[in-house]
Amino acid sequence: QVQLVESGGGLVQAGGSLRLSCLVYGNIFSTFTLGWYRQAPGKKREFLARISSSGWALHDASVKGRFTISRDVDKNTLYLQMNSLKFADTAKYYCNLASDGVDYWGQGTQVTVSS
């Protein structure tokens, strides 16, 4: 069974940085995609970035240049480095694993940016 556990959220001032982590437990297929999404109150969950099992990364235009997705294969951990944070980045951030047609989600970690 696959389990995703996010950490690293918190309260930060505008202009600051945070690094989110997502630890992946369980057996996954050799081909998969790991991604980060966020959801603010009253809004739909939105895509931020993803990285494939081969290491190819894609960032949404809305965060490109400020957010960077990466992974440590040996540690089974996905990261999201977030710089130049804005008040509008306040949301709950979720880790996603897509593998063999199945989506797995973590419980989320809250990021609050004070203006």
Protein backbone atom coordinates (compact mmCIF):
# COMPACT_ATOMS: atom_id res chain seq x y z
CA GLN A 1 0.00 0.00 0.00
CA VAL A 2 1.29 3.43 -0.94
CA GLN A 3 1.32 6.26 1.58
CA LEU A 4 2.45 9.84 1.08
CA VAL A 5 3.39 12.04 4.03
CA GLU A 6 3.98 15.75 3.51
CA SER A 7 5.88 18.04 5.85
CA GLY A 8 7.58 21.40 5.87
CA GLY A 9 4.61 23.73 5.80
CA GLY A 10 4.22 26.63 8.17
CA LEU A 11 3.90 30.37 8.55
CA VAL A 12 6.28 32.56 6.57
CA GLN A 13 6.46 36.23 5.70
CA ALA A 14 5.95 37.39 2.14
CA GLY A 15 9.21 37.15 0.23
CA GLY A 16 10.39 34.23 2.31
CA SER A 17 11.06 30.61 1.40
CA LEU A 18 9.92 27.16 2.43
CA ARG A 19 10.82 23.66 1.34
CA LEU A 20 8.11 21.04 1.40
CA SER A 21 8.89 17.35 1.62
CA CYS A 22 6.83 14.30 0.72
CA LEU A 23 7.99 10.92 1.92
CA VAL A 24 6.71 8.03 -0.18
CA TYR A 25 6.05 4.72 1.54
CA GLY A 26 5.23 1.45 -0.11
CA ASN A 27 5.88 -0.31 -3.38
CA ILE A 28 5.30 1.59 -6.59
CA PHE A 29 5.67 0.62 -10.20
CA SER A 30 8.81 1.58 -12.06
CA THR A 31 6.89 4.14 -14.10
CA PHE A 32 5.22 6.91 -12.13
CA THR A 33 4.79 10.65 -11.78
CA LEU A 34 5.12 12.59 -8.56
CA GLY A 35 3.55 16.00 -8.26
CA TRP A 36 2.59 18.91 -6.05
CA TYR A 37 -0.82 20.55 -5.94
CA ARG A 38 -2.41 23.13 -3.68
CA GLN A 39 -5.87 24.14 -2.64
CA ALA A 40 -6.90 27.41 -1.07
CA PRO A 41 -10.20 27.78 0.81
CA GLY A 42 -13.11 28.03 -1.60
CA LYS A 43 -10.95 27.24 -4.62
CA LYS A 44 -10.25 24.16 -6.73
CA ARG A 45 -7.14 22.13 -6.26
CA GLU A 46 -4.53 23.38 -8.69
CA PHE A 47 -1.50 21.77 -10.26
CA LEU A 48 1.92 23.20 -9.43
CA ALA A 49 4.63 20.85 -10.68
CA ARG A 50 5.38 17.22 -11.46
CA ILE A 51 8.39 15.03 -12.04
CA SER A 52 8.47 11.71 -13.83
CA SER A 53 10.24 8.53 -12.84
CA SER A 54 12.87 9.38 -15.44
CA GLY A 55 13.47 12.76 -13.78
CA TRP A 56 11.74 14.99 -16.29
CA ALA A 57 10.16 17.96 -14.50
CA LEU A 58 7.35 20.32 -15.43
CA HIS A 59 6.27 23.45 -13.58
CA ASP A 60 3.04 25.33 -14.04
CA ALA A 61 3.53 28.82 -15.49
CA SER A 62 2.03 30.37 -12.38
CA VAL A 63 4.95 29.23 -10.21
CA LYS A 64 7.75 28.72 -12.72
CA GLY A 65 10.85 30.55 -11.60
CA ARG A 66 9.75 30.65 -7.96
CA PHE A 67 9.01 26.98 -7.19
CA THR A 68 11.25 24.03 -8.00
CA ILE A 69 10.30 20.36 -7.79
CA SER A 70 12.96 17.75 -7.14
CA ARG A 71 13.31 14.26 -5.72
CA ASP A 72 15.80 12.15 -3.85
CA VAL A 73 15.44 8.61 -5.10
CA ASP A 74 17.52 7.09 -2.31
CA LYS A 75 15.37 8.76 0.34
CA ASN A 76 12.04 8.14 -1.47
CA THR A 77 11.34 11.82 -0.97
CA LEU A 78 9.83 14.49 -3.17
CA TYR A 79 10.56 18.16 -2.55
CA LEU A 80 9.11 21.52 -3.48
CA GLN A 81 11.38 24.49 -2.95
CA MET A 82 9.30 27.64 -2.77
CA ASN A 83 10.95 31.05 -2.99
CA SER A 84 9.64 34.62 -3.10
CA LEU A 85 6.42 33.51 -1.46
CA LYS A 86 3.36 35.69 -1.83
CA PHE A 87 0.19 36.02 0.20
CA ALA A 88 -1.62 34.36 -2.72
CA ASP A 89 0.48 31.22 -2.17
CA THR A 90 -1.40 30.57 1.07
CA ALA A 91 -3.02 27.16 0.70
CA LYS A 92 -2.85 23.54 1.71
CA TYR A 93 -0.22 21.77 -0.35
CA TYR A 94 -0.63 18.16 -1.43
CA CYS A 95 1.72 15.53 -2.77
CA ASN A 96 0.43 13.23 -5.51
CA LEU A 97 1.69 9.96 -6.93
CA ALA A 98 0.23 8.72 -10.20
CA SER A 99 1.10 5.16 -11.11
CA ASP A 100 -0.57 2.56 -13.31
CA GLY A 101 -3.75 4.59 -13.56
CA VAL A 102 -4.09 5.11 -9.81
CA ASP A 103 -3.75 8.40 -7.95
CA TYR A 104 -2.48 8.57 -4.39
CA TRP A 105 -2.64 11.68 -2.22
CA GLY A 106 -1.05 12.78 1.00
CA GLN A 107 -2.92 14.47 3.80
CA GLY A 108 -1.51 17.89 2.91
CA THR A 109 0.58 20.48 4.69
CA GLN A 110 -0.57 24.03 5.33
CA VAL A 111 1.42 26.98 4.03
CA THR A 112 0.44 30.40 5.28
CA VAL A 113 2.13 33.51 3.93
CA SER A 114 1.70 36.72 5.89
CA SER A 115 1.65 39.97 4.00
